[in-house]
Amino acid sequence: YKEAVEAMNRGDYFYASQKFSEAEVILPKIEFSSKALLMSSYCLYLINFYPEATANLERFISQYPADKNLAYAQYLIAITLYEQILDEKKDIDPLIKTKKKIQYFLQNFPETEYALDLKFKLDLVNNQLAAKEMYIVKYYITTQKWIPAINRLKGIVNDYSETVFIEEALHRLVEVYYRVGLPEEAKVA
């Protein structure tokens, strides 16, 4: 464990992770074993080995469900997922997984020091999801697929009303309604 801490302090996170994993197996007290596994996961996170870090963290949660660092392990999984999000033109799966994990955290650990950070990140995730929807809407408008465009725009208005995309969604909804000859719906929007 001491060797792992020294490696971590000098920035050799991969080696530190390996040493923490070794320490987990041989340490006599469960508190030290759990801490070693958590530190190994953190080192993997620091070098962007996200799948490995997540697997370690999930093992930590299942092996040490009563550990005092459980909230931190859940937080680190959420952050790991969050950092894998790309832009709105890419796969939506990381966004959905991140949102679910953040919501799970906020529901189960609302009073922790990490909750505020994850509330902020949830807003950013919702902005990304709204951006994804708006990206698809623009495609539908370009290809004159009005019904799917209207449905997606309504989805943005209903599900992402607190994002920066609400104004554009309402504007485009009015525009599309006028385009298809529904002036009353345009006025409502």
N, C-alpha and C. Protein backbone atom coordinates (compact mmCIF):
# COMPACT_ATOMS: atom_id res chain seq x y z
N TYR A 1 0.84 -1.19 0.00
CA TYR A 1 0.00 0.00 0.00
C TYR A 1 0.88 1.24 0.00
N LYS A 2 1.91 1.20 0.82
CA LYS A 2 2.84 2.34 0.90
C LYS A 2 3.51 2.57 -0.46
N GLU A 3 3.91 1.50 -1.11
CA GLU A 3 4.54 1.61 -2.44
C GLU A 3 3.56 2.21 -3.45
N ALA A 4 2.30 1.86 -3.34
CA ALA A 4 1.26 2.40 -4.23
C ALA A 4 1.09 3.90 -4.00
N VAL A 5 1.07 4.32 -2.75
CA VAL A 5 0.92 5.74 -2.43
C VAL A 5 2.11 6.53 -2.97
N GLU A 6 3.30 5.98 -2.82
CA GLU A 6 4.51 6.65 -3.34
C GLU A 6 4.44 6.78 -4.86
N ALA A 7 4.01 5.73 -5.53
CA ALA A 7 3.87 5.77 -6.99
C ALA A 7 2.82 6.81 -7.39
N MET A 8 1.76 6.86 -6.65
CA MET A 8 0.70 7.84 -6.94
C MET A 8 1.23 9.26 -6.75
N ASN A 9 1.98 9.49 -5.70
CA ASN A 9 2.52 10.82 -5.43
C ASN A 9 3.49 11.29 -6.50
N ARG A 10 4.16 10.36 -7.15
CA ARG A 10 5.09 10.76 -8.21
C ARG A 10 4.41 10.75 -9.59
N GLY A 11 3.11 10.44 -9.63
CA GLY A 11 2.34 10.52 -10.87
C GLY A 11 2.34 9.25 -11.70
N ASP A 12 2.82 8.16 -11.16
CA ASP A 12 2.82 6.88 -11.88
C ASP A 12 1.53 6.14 -11.51
N TYR A 13 0.43 6.59 -12.07
CA TYR A 13 -0.89 6.11 -11.67
C TYR A 13 -1.17 4.66 -12.08
N PHE A 14 -0.65 4.25 -13.21
CA PHE A 14 -0.87 2.87 -13.64
C PHE A 14 -0.20 1.90 -12.68
N TYR A 15 1.03 2.17 -12.36
CA TYR A 15 1.76 1.32 -11.41
C TYR A 15 1.10 1.37 -10.03
N ALA A 16 0.69 2.56 -9.64
CA ALA A 16 0.01 2.71 -8.34
C ALA A 16 -1.26 1.87 -8.31
N SER A 17 -2.00 1.88 -9.40
CA SER A 17 -3.23 1.10 -9.46
C SER A 17 -2.93 -0.39 -9.29
N GLN A 18 -1.89 -0.85 -9.94
CA GLN A 18 -1.51 -2.26 -9.81
C GLN A 18 -1.14 -2.59 -8.36
N LYS A 19 -0.37 -1.71 -7.74
CA LYS A 19 0.06 -1.95 -6.36
C LYS A 19 -1.12 -1.89 -5.38
N PHE A 20 -2.05 -0.96 -5.62
CA PHE A 20 -3.24 -0.92 -4.77
C PHE A 20 -4.05 -2.21 -4.92
N SER A 21 -4.13 -2.73 -6.14
CA SER A 21 -4.85 -3.99 -6.36
C SER A 21 -4.18 -5.15 -5.63
N GLU A 22 -2.86 -5.17 -5.67
CA GLU A 22 -2.13 -6.20 -4.92
C GLU A 22 -2.37 -6.05 -3.42
N ALA A 23 -2.36 -4.81 -2.96
CA ALA A 23 -2.54 -4.55 -1.53
C ALA A 23 -3.94 -4.97 -1.06
N GLU A 24 -4.92 -4.78 -1.93
CA GLU A 24 -6.29 -5.15 -1.56
C GLU A 24 -6.37 -6.63 -1.16
N VAL A 25 -5.67 -7.46 -1.89
CA VAL A 25 -5.74 -8.91 -1.67
C VAL A 25 -5.04 -9.31 -0.37
N ILE A 26 -3.95 -8.64 -0.03
CA ILE A 26 -3.15 -9.10 1.11
C ILE A 26 -3.40 -8.35 2.41
N LEU A 27 -4.08 -7.21 2.36
CA LEU A 27 -4.30 -6.46 3.60
C LEU A 27 -5.25 -7.21 4.52
N PRO A 28 -4.93 -7.26 5.82
CA PRO A 28 -5.71 -8.09 6.74
C PRO A 28 -7.07 -7.50 7.13
N LYS A 29 -7.19 -6.19 7.18
CA LYS A 29 -8.45 -5.58 7.61
C LYS A 29 -9.27 -5.16 6.40
N ILE A 30 -10.57 -5.36 6.52
CA ILE A 30 -11.47 -5.06 5.40
C ILE A 30 -11.47 -3.57 5.07
N GLU A 31 -11.31 -2.71 6.08
CA GLU A 31 -11.30 -1.27 5.83
C GLU A 31 -10.14 -0.89 4.92
N PHE A 32 -8.99 -1.54 5.13
CA PHE A 32 -7.81 -1.24 4.31
C PHE A 32 -7.95 -1.84 2.91
N SER A 33 -8.52 -3.03 2.83
CA SER A 33 -8.74 -3.66 1.53
C SER A 33 -9.68 -2.83 0.67
N SER A 34 -10.76 -2.35 1.27
CA SER A 34 -11.72 -1.55 0.51
C SER A 34 -11.09 -0.24 0.05
N LYS A 35 -10.29 0.36 0.91
CA LYS A 35 -9.61 1.62 0.56
C LYS A 35 -8.63 1.37 -0.58
N ALA A 36 -7.92 0.25 -0.56
CA ALA A 36 -6.98 -0.07 -1.63
C ALA A 36 -7.70 -0.23 -2.97
N LEU A 37 -8.84 -0.91 -2.95
CA LEU A 37 -9.61 -1.07 -4.19
C LEU A 37 -10.11 0.28 -4.70
N LEU A 38 -10.57 1.12 -3.81
CA LEU A 38 -11.04 2.44 -4.19
C LEU A 38 -9.89 3.28 -4.77
N MET A 39 -8.73 3.20 -4.15
CA MET A 39 -7.58 3.95 -4.65
C MET A 39 -7.12 3.42 -6.01
N SER A 40 -7.17 2.13 -6.19
CA SER A 40 -6.83 1.54 -7.49
C SER A 40 -7.77 2.08 -8.57
N SER A 41 -9.04 2.14 -8.25
CA SER A 41 -10.04 2.67 -9.19
C SER A 41 -9.77 4.13 -9.51
N TYR A 42 -9.45 4.89 -8.48
CA TYR A 42 -9.17 6.32 -8.68
C TYR A 42 -7.95 6.51 -9.59
N CYS A 43 -6.93 5.73 -9.38
CA CYS A 43 -5.74 5.82 -10.24
C CYS A 43 -6.08 5.50 -11.69
N LEU A 44 -6.89 4.48 -11.90
CA LEU A 44 -7.32 4.15 -13.26
C LEU A 44 -8.13 5.28 -13.88
N TYR A 45 -8.97 5.91 -13.08
CA TYR A 45 -9.75 7.06 -13.55
C TYR A 45 -8.82 8.19 -13.98
N LEU A 46 -7.78 8.44 -13.18
CA LEU A 46 -6.86 9.54 -13.48
C LEU A 46 -6.14 9.38 -14.81
N ILE A 47 -5.95 8.14 -15.26
CA ILE A 47 -5.27 7.92 -16.53
C ILE A 47 -6.25 7.56 -17.65
N ASN A 48 -7.52 7.87 -17.40
CA ASN A 48 -8.58 7.70 -18.40
C ASN A 48 -8.82 6.25 -18.80
N PHE A 49 -8.55 5.32 -17.92
CA PHE A 49 -8.89 3.92 -18.13
C PHE A 49 -10.31 3.73 -17.57
N TYR A 50 -11.27 4.36 -18.25
CA TYR A 50 -12.62 4.44 -17.71
C TYR A 50 -13.32 3.09 -17.54
N PRO A 51 -13.28 2.20 -18.53
CA PRO A 51 -13.96 0.91 -18.31
C PRO A 51 -13.37 0.12 -17.14
N GLU A 52 -12.06 0.15 -17.01
CA GLU A 52 -11.41 -0.56 -15.91
C GLU A 52 -11.75 0.08 -14.57
N ALA A 53 -11.73 1.40 -14.54
CA ALA A 53 -12.08 2.11 -13.30
C ALA A 53 -13.51 1.80 -12.89
N THR A 54 -14.42 1.84 -13.86
CA THR A 54 -15.83 1.56 -13.58
C THR A 54 -16.02 0.13 -13.09
N ALA A 55 -15.34 -0.82 -13.72
CA ALA A 55 -15.45 -2.21 -13.28
C ALA A 55 -14.96 -2.37 -11.85
N ASN A 56 -13.84 -1.73 -11.53
CA ASN A 56 -13.32 -1.77 -10.16
C ASN A 56 -14.30 -1.14 -9.18
N LEU A 57 -14.87 -0.02 -9.57
CA LEU A 57 -15.80 0.68 -8.67
C LEU A 57 -17.07 -0.15 -8.45
N GLU A 58 -17.54 -0.78 -9.49
CA GLU A 58 -18.73 -1.64 -9.33
C GLU A 58 -18.41 -2.84 -8.43
N ARG A 59 -17.21 -3.35 -8.55
CA ARG A 59 -16.79 -4.45 -7.67
C ARG A 59 -16.68 -3.94 -6.22
N PHE A 60 -16.18 -2.72 -6.06
CA PHE A 60 -16.10 -2.11 -4.73
C PHE A 60 -17.50 -2.02 -4.10
N ILE A 61 -18.46 -1.55 -4.89
CA ILE A 61 -19.83 -1.38 -4.40
C ILE A 61 -20.45 -2.72 -4.00
N SER A 62 -20.19 -3.75 -4.82
CA SER A 62 -20.78 -5.05 -4.49
C SER A 62 -20.05 -5.76 -3.35
N GLN A 63 -18.74 -5.57 -3.25
CA GLN A 63 -17.99 -6.25 -2.19
C GLN A 63 -18.05 -5.54 -0.84
N TYR A 64 -18.17 -4.22 -0.88
CA TYR A 64 -18.14 -3.43 0.35
C TYR A 64 -19.36 -2.51 0.42
N PRO A 65 -20.56 -3.06 0.43
CA PRO A 65 -21.78 -2.24 0.35
C PRO A 65 -22.01 -1.33 1.57
N ALA A 66 -21.34 -1.60 2.68
CA ALA A 66 -21.53 -0.77 3.87
C ALA A 66 -20.34 0.16 4.12
N ASP A 67 -19.44 0.25 3.16
CA ASP A 67 -18.24 1.06 3.34
C ASP A 67 -18.60 2.55 3.44
N LYS A 68 -17.83 3.27 4.23
CA LYS A 68 -18.10 4.70 4.41
C LYS A 68 -17.84 5.51 3.14
N ASN A 69 -17.11 4.94 2.17
CA ASN A 69 -16.79 5.63 0.92
C ASN A 69 -17.72 5.23 -0.23
N LEU A 70 -18.85 4.63 0.09
CA LEU A 70 -19.78 4.18 -0.94
C LEU A 70 -20.27 5.34 -1.82
N ALA A 71 -20.60 6.45 -1.20
CA ALA A 71 -21.07 7.62 -1.96
C ALA A 71 -19.99 8.10 -2.92
N TYR A 72 -18.74 8.09 -2.47
CA TYR A 72 -17.65 8.53 -3.34
C TYR A 72 -17.49 7.57 -4.53
N ALA A 73 -17.62 6.28 -4.29
CA ALA A 73 -17.51 5.31 -5.38
C ALA A 73 -18.61 5.55 -6.41
N GLN A 74 -19.83 5.79 -5.95
CA GLN A 74 -20.95 6.08 -6.87
C GLN A 74 -20.68 7.38 -7.63
N TYR A 75 -20.17 8.36 -6.93
CA TYR A 75 -19.83 9.65 -7.55
C TYR A 75 -18.78 9.46 -8.64
N LEU A 76 -17.76 8.69 -8.33
CA LEU A 76 -16.68 8.48 -9.29
C LEU A 76 -17.18 7.74 -10.54
N ILE A 77 -18.12 6.82 -10.37
CA ILE A 77 -18.71 6.17 -11.55
C ILE A 77 -19.46 7.21 -12.39
N ALA A 78 -20.23 8.07 -11.75
CA ALA A 78 -20.97 9.10 -12.49
C ALA A 78 -20.02 10.03 -13.23
N ILE A 79 -18.94 10.42 -12.58
CA ILE A 79 -17.96 11.31 -13.22
C ILE A 79 -17.26 10.60 -14.38
N THR A 80 -16.96 9.34 -14.20
CA THR A 80 -16.33 8.56 -15.26
C THR A 80 -17.24 8.50 -16.48
N LEU A 81 -18.51 8.26 -16.26
CA LEU A 81 -19.46 8.25 -17.38
C LEU A 81 -19.57 9.63 -18.01
N TYR A 82 -19.64 10.65 -17.17
CA TYR A 82 -19.78 12.02 -17.64
C TYR A 82 -18.62 12.41 -18.56
N GLU A 83 -17.42 12.02 -18.18
CA GLU A 83 -16.25 12.42 -18.96
C GLU A 83 -16.15 11.70 -20.30
N GLN A 84 -16.97 10.70 -20.51
CA GLN A 84 -16.97 9.98 -21.79
C GLN A 84 -17.98 10.53 -22.78
N ILE A 85 -18.73 11.55 -22.37
CA ILE A 85 -19.72 12.16 -23.26
C ILE A 85 -19.02 12.94 -24.36
N LEU A 86 -19.46 12.72 -25.57
CA LEU A 86 -18.93 13.46 -26.70
C LEU A 86 -19.92 14.56 -27.06
N ASP A 87 -19.98 14.98 -28.30
CA ASP A 87 -20.92 16.03 -28.67
C ASP A 87 -22.28 15.45 -29.08
N GLU A 88 -23.20 16.36 -29.40
CA GLU A 88 -24.57 15.93 -29.68
C GLU A 88 -24.72 15.15 -30.98
N LYS A 89 -23.69 15.15 -31.80
CA LYS A 89 -23.78 14.42 -33.07
C LYS A 89 -23.36 12.96 -32.91
N LYS A 90 -22.85 12.61 -31.76
CA LYS A 90 -22.36 11.25 -31.51
C LYS A 90 -23.43 10.41 -30.83
N ASP A 91 -23.04 9.23 -30.42
CA ASP A 91 -23.92 8.26 -29.77
C ASP A 91 -24.56 8.86 -28.51
N ILE A 92 -25.85 8.61 -28.34
CA ILE A 92 -26.60 9.14 -27.21
C ILE A 92 -26.48 8.25 -25.96
N ASP A 93 -26.02 7.02 -26.14
CA ASP A 93 -25.97 6.07 -25.03
C ASP A 93 -25.16 6.58 -23.83
N PRO A 94 -23.97 7.16 -24.01
CA PRO A 94 -23.26 7.69 -22.83
C PRO A 94 -24.04 8.78 -22.10
N LEU A 95 -24.77 9.59 -22.82
CA LEU A 95 -25.60 10.62 -22.19
C LEU A 95 -26.69 10.00 -21.32
N ILE A 96 -27.36 9.00 -21.85
CA ILE A 96 -28.45 8.37 -21.10
C ILE A 96 -27.92 7.64 -19.88
N LYS A 97 -26.81 6.90 -20.03
CA LYS A 97 -26.21 6.22 -18.89
C LYS A 97 -25.78 7.21 -17.81
N THR A 98 -25.17 8.30 -18.24
CA THR A 98 -24.71 9.31 -17.28
C THR A 98 -25.89 9.93 -16.55
N LYS A 99 -26.94 10.26 -17.28
CA LYS A 99 -28.10 10.86 -16.64
C LYS A 99 -28.71 9.92 -15.60
N LYS A 100 -28.85 8.66 -15.95
CA LYS A 100 -29.41 7.68 -15.01
C LYS A 100 -28.54 7.55 -13.77
N LYS A 101 -27.23 7.50 -13.96
CA LYS A 101 -26.32 7.34 -12.82
C LYS A 101 -26.35 8.58 -11.93
N ILE A 102 -26.39 9.75 -12.54
CA ILE A 102 -26.45 10.99 -11.74
C ILE A 102 -27.77 11.06 -10.98
N GLN A 103 -28.87 10.73 -11.65
CA GLN A 103 -30.16 10.74 -10.96
C GLN A 103 -30.18 9.73 -9.82
N TYR A 104 -29.60 8.56 -10.02
CA TYR A 104 -29.50 7.56 -8.96
C TYR A 104 -28.72 8.13 -7.77
N PHE A 105 -27.61 8.76 -8.08
CA PHE A 105 -26.78 9.34 -7.01
C PHE A 105 -27.56 10.40 -6.24
N LEU A 106 -28.18 11.31 -6.97
CA LEU A 106 -28.90 12.41 -6.31
C LEU A 106 -30.08 11.91 -5.49
N GLN A 107 -30.67 10.81 -5.90
CA GLN A 107 -31.77 10.22 -5.15
C GLN A 107 -31.27 9.54 -3.88
N ASN A 108 -30.13 8.87 -3.97
CA ASN A 108 -29.64 8.08 -2.85
C ASN A 108 -28.63 8.78 -1.95
N PHE A 109 -27.96 9.80 -2.45
CA PHE A 109 -26.95 10.51 -1.67
C PHE A 109 -27.11 12.02 -1.80
N PRO A 110 -28.31 12.56 -1.57
CA PRO A 110 -28.55 13.98 -1.83
C PRO A 110 -27.81 14.94 -0.90
N GLU A 111 -27.43 14.48 0.27
CA GLU A 111 -26.82 15.37 1.25
C GLU A 111 -25.30 15.30 1.26
N THR A 112 -24.70 14.63 0.29
CA THR A 112 -23.25 14.51 0.29
C THR A 112 -22.61 15.73 -0.36
N GLU A 113 -21.33 15.85 -0.16
CA GLU A 113 -20.59 16.97 -0.74
C GLU A 113 -20.52 16.89 -2.26
N TYR A 114 -20.79 15.72 -2.83
CA TYR A 114 -20.70 15.54 -4.28
C TYR A 114 -22.00 15.88 -5.00
N ALA A 115 -23.08 16.01 -4.27
CA ALA A 115 -24.40 16.21 -4.89
C ALA A 115 -24.47 17.51 -5.68
N LEU A 116 -23.91 18.57 -5.15
CA LEU A 116 -23.97 19.86 -5.85
C LEU A 116 -23.26 19.78 -7.21
N ASP A 117 -22.10 19.15 -7.22
CA ASP A 117 -21.37 18.99 -8.48
C ASP A 117 -22.20 18.19 -9.48
N LEU A 118 -22.83 17.12 -9.02
CA LEU A 118 -23.60 16.30 -9.94
C LEU A 118 -24.90 16.97 -10.39
N LYS A 119 -25.47 17.83 -9.56
CA LYS A 119 -26.64 18.60 -10.00
C LYS A 119 -26.25 19.51 -11.16
N PHE A 120 -25.10 20.14 -11.04
CA PHE A 120 -24.60 20.99 -12.12
C PHE A 120 -24.34 20.16 -13.38
N LYS A 121 -23.73 19.01 -13.22
CA LYS A 121 -23.43 18.15 -14.37
C LYS A 121 -24.71 17.59 -14.99
N LEU A 122 -25.74 17.36 -14.18
CA LEU A 122 -27.02 16.90 -14.73
C LEU A 122 -27.62 17.97 -15.64
N ASP A 123 -27.49 19.23 -15.27
CA ASP A 123 -27.94 20.31 -16.15
C ASP A 123 -27.19 20.29 -17.48
N LEU A 124 -25.90 20.05 -17.41
CA LEU A 124 -25.11 19.98 -18.65
C LEU A 124 -25.50 18.77 -19.49
N VAL A 125 -25.78 17.65 -18.85
CA VAL A 125 -26.22 16.45 -19.57
C VAL A 125 -27.57 16.73 -20.25
N ASN A 126 -28.48 17.37 -19.53
CA ASN A 126 -29.78 17.71 -20.12
C ASN A 126 -29.61 18.66 -21.30
N ASN A 127 -28.68 19.59 -21.22
CA ASN A 127 -28.40 20.47 -22.35
C ASN A 127 -27.90 19.66 -23.54
N GLN A 128 -27.04 18.69 -23.29
CA GLN A 128 -26.53 17.85 -24.37
C GLN A 128 -27.66 17.01 -24.99
N LEU A 129 -28.55 16.48 -24.15
CA LEU A 129 -29.68 15.71 -24.68
C LEU A 129 -30.59 16.60 -25.52
N ALA A 130 -30.83 17.81 -25.05
CA ALA A 130 -31.65 18.75 -25.83
C ALA A 130 -30.95 19.11 -27.13
N ALA A 131 -29.64 19.26 -27.08
CA ALA A 131 -28.88 19.57 -28.30
C ALA A 131 -29.00 18.42 -29.30
N LYS A 132 -28.97 17.19 -28.80
CA LYS A 132 -29.13 16.02 -29.67
C LYS A 132 -30.51 16.05 -30.34
N GLU A 133 -31.53 16.33 -29.55
CA GLU A 133 -32.88 16.42 -30.11
C GLU A 133 -32.96 17.53 -31.16
N MET A 134 -32.36 18.68 -30.87
CA MET A 134 -32.41 19.81 -31.81
C MET A 134 -31.65 19.47 -33.09
N TYR A 135 -30.57 18.75 -32.97
CA TYR A 135 -29.80 18.32 -34.14
C TYR A 135 -30.68 17.44 -35.04
N ILE A 136 -31.44 16.54 -34.44
CA ILE A 136 -32.34 15.67 -35.21
C ILE A 136 -33.48 16.49 -35.81
N VAL A 137 -34.01 17.45 -35.05
CA VAL A 137 -35.09 18.32 -35.55
C VAL A 137 -34.63 19.05 -36.81
N LYS A 138 -33.43 19.57 -36.78
CA LYS A 138 -32.93 20.32 -37.94
C LYS A 138 -32.84 19.42 -39.17
N TYR A 139 -32.48 18.17 -38.96
CA TYR A 139 -32.46 17.22 -40.07
C TYR A 139 -33.88 17.03 -40.62
N TYR A 140 -34.85 16.84 -39.71
CA TYR A 140 -36.23 16.64 -40.15
C TYR A 140 -36.77 17.87 -40.88
N ILE A 141 -36.42 19.04 -40.42
CA ILE A 141 -36.88 20.25 -41.09
C ILE A 141 -36.25 20.36 -42.48
N THR A 142 -34.97 20.05 -42.58
CA THR A 142 -34.27 20.09 -43.86
C THR A 142 -34.88 19.11 -44.86
N THR A 143 -35.29 17.95 -44.38
CA THR A 143 -35.87 16.93 -45.25
C THR A 143 -37.40 17.03 -45.33
N GLN A 144 -37.95 18.07 -44.71
CA GLN A 144 -39.39 18.35 -44.71
C GLN A 144 -40.21 17.21 -44.13
N LYS A 145 -39.73 16.64 -43.09
CA LYS A 145 -40.48 15.63 -42.33
C LYS A 145 -41.09 16.35 -41.13
N TRP A 146 -42.25 16.93 -41.37
CA TRP A 146 -42.83 17.88 -40.41
C TRP A 146 -43.35 17.21 -39.14
N ILE A 147 -44.01 16.09 -39.24
CA ILE A 147 -44.58 15.43 -38.05
C ILE A 147 -43.48 14.99 -37.08
N PRO A 148 -42.43 14.30 -37.57
CA PRO A 148 -41.36 13.96 -36.62
C PRO A 148 -40.69 15.21 -36.02
N ALA A 149 -40.57 16.26 -36.83
CA ALA A 149 -39.97 17.51 -36.33
C ALA A 149 -40.84 18.09 -35.21
N ILE A 150 -42.14 18.12 -35.42
CA ILE A 150 -43.05 18.64 -34.40
C ILE A 150 -42.97 17.79 -33.13
N ASN A 151 -42.98 16.48 -33.30
CA ASN A 151 -42.91 15.60 -32.12
C ASN A 151 -41.62 15.81 -31.33
N ARG A 152 -40.51 15.93 -32.02
CA ARG A 152 -39.23 16.16 -31.33
C ARG A 152 -39.22 17.54 -30.65
N LEU A 153 -39.75 18.52 -31.32
CA LEU A 153 -39.80 19.86 -30.72
C LEU A 153 -40.68 19.88 -29.47
N LYS A 154 -41.81 19.19 -29.54
CA LYS A 154 -42.66 19.09 -28.35
C LYS A 154 -41.92 18.38 -27.22
N GLY A 155 -41.14 17.38 -27.57
CA GLY A 155 -40.33 16.68 -26.58
C GLY A 155 -39.34 17.61 -25.90
N ILE A 156 -38.70 18.46 -26.67
CA ILE A 156 -37.75 19.42 -26.09
C ILE A 156 -38.48 20.37 -25.15
N VAL A 157 -39.65 20.86 -25.59
CA VAL A 157 -40.42 21.79 -24.76
C VAL A 157 -40.87 21.11 -23.46
N ASN A 158 -41.30 19.86 -23.55
CA ASN A 158 -41.79 19.16 -22.36
C ASN A 158 -40.68 18.66 -21.45
N ASP A 159 -39.62 18.11 -22.04
CA ASP A 159 -38.59 17.43 -21.24
C ASP A 159 -37.38 18.28 -20.91
N TYR A 160 -37.12 19.31 -21.69
CA TYR A 160 -35.90 20.09 -21.51
C TYR A 160 -36.19 21.59 -21.44
N SER A 161 -37.24 21.92 -20.72
CA SER A 161 -37.66 23.33 -20.66
C SER A 161 -36.68 24.22 -19.90
N GLU A 162 -35.79 23.62 -19.14
CA GLU A 162 -34.82 24.43 -18.38
C GLU A 162 -33.45 24.47 -19.05
N THR A 163 -33.41 24.09 -20.31
CA THR A 163 -32.14 24.13 -21.04
C THR A 163 -32.07 25.38 -21.90
N VAL A 164 -30.92 25.60 -22.49
CA VAL A 164 -30.74 26.76 -23.36
C VAL A 164 -31.44 26.58 -24.71
N PHE A 165 -32.00 25.42 -24.96
CA PHE A 165 -32.62 25.15 -26.26
C PHE A 165 -34.13 25.40 -26.28
N ILE A 166 -34.69 25.81 -25.18
CA ILE A 166 -36.14 26.01 -25.12
C ILE A 166 -36.61 27.11 -26.08
N GLU A 167 -35.87 28.20 -26.13
CA GLU A 167 -36.28 29.31 -27.00
C GLU A 167 -36.25 28.90 -28.47
N GLU A 168 -35.17 28.23 -28.86
CA GLU A 168 -35.07 27.79 -30.25
C GLU A 168 -36.14 26.75 -30.57
N ALA A 169 -36.43 25.87 -29.64
CA ALA A 169 -37.45 24.85 -29.87
C ALA A 169 -38.82 25.51 -30.07
N LEU A 170 -39.15 26.47 -29.24
CA LEU A 170 -40.43 27.16 -29.39
C LEU A 170 -40.49 27.93 -30.71
N HIS A 171 -39.40 28.60 -31.05
CA HIS A 171 -39.35 29.34 -32.31
C HIS A 171 -39.55 28.40 -33.51
N ARG A 172 -38.85 27.31 -33.52
CA ARG A 172 -38.97 26.36 -34.63
C ARG A 172 -40.33 25.67 -34.65
N LEU A 173 -40.91 25.45 -33.47
CA LEU A 173 -42.24 24.86 -33.40
C LEU A 173 -43.26 25.80 -34.06
N VAL A 174 -43.19 27.07 -33.74
CA VAL A 174 -44.07 28.06 -34.38
C VAL A 174 -43.84 28.06 -35.88
N GLU A 175 -42.60 28.08 -36.28
CA GLU A 175 -42.23 28.09 -37.70
C GLU A 175 -42.81 26.88 -38.44
N VAL A 176 -42.67 25.69 -37.86
CA VAL A 176 -43.15 24.47 -38.52
C VAL A 176 -44.68 24.45 -38.56
N TYR A 177 -45.31 24.87 -37.46
CA TYR A 177 -46.78 24.91 -37.47
C TYR A 177 -47.29 25.83 -38.58
N TYR A 178 -46.71 27.01 -38.75
CA TYR A 178 -47.12 27.89 -39.84
C TYR A 178 -46.86 27.24 -41.19
N ARG A 179 -45.74 26.57 -41.28
CA ARG A 179 -45.35 25.93 -42.55
C ARG A 179 -46.36 24.87 -42.99
N VAL A 180 -46.91 24.11 -42.01
CA VAL A 180 -47.86 23.06 -42.36
C VAL A 180 -49.31 23.53 -42.31
N GLY A 181 -49.51 24.83 -42.06
CA GLY A 181 -50.86 25.38 -42.11
C GLY A 181 -51.65 25.22 -40.84
N LEU A 182 -51.01 25.29 -39.68
CA LEU A 182 -51.69 25.20 -38.38
C LEU A 182 -51.42 26.48 -37.59
N PRO A 183 -52.07 27.60 -37.99
CA PRO A 183 -51.78 28.88 -37.34
C PRO A 183 -52.23 28.93 -35.86
N GLU A 184 -53.29 28.21 -35.50
CA GLU A 184 -53.75 28.23 -34.09
C GLU A 184 -52.73 27.56 -33.19
N GLU A 185 -52.18 26.42 -33.62
CA GLU A 185 -51.15 25.74 -32.84
C GLU A 185 -49.90 26.61 -32.75
N ALA A 186 -49.60 27.35 -33.84
CA ALA A 186 -48.45 28.25 -33.83
C ALA A 186 -48.64 29.35 -32.79
N LYS A 187 -49.85 29.89 -32.70
CA LYS A 187 -50.12 30.95 -31.71
C LYS A 187 -49.98 30.41 -30.29
N VAL A 188 -50.46 29.20 -30.06
CA VAL A 188 -50.33 28.59 -28.74
C VAL A 188 -48.85 28.40 -28.37
N ALA A 189 -48.09 27.94 -29.34
CA ALA A 189 -46.66 27.71 -29.10
C ALA A 189 -45.95 29.04 -28.88
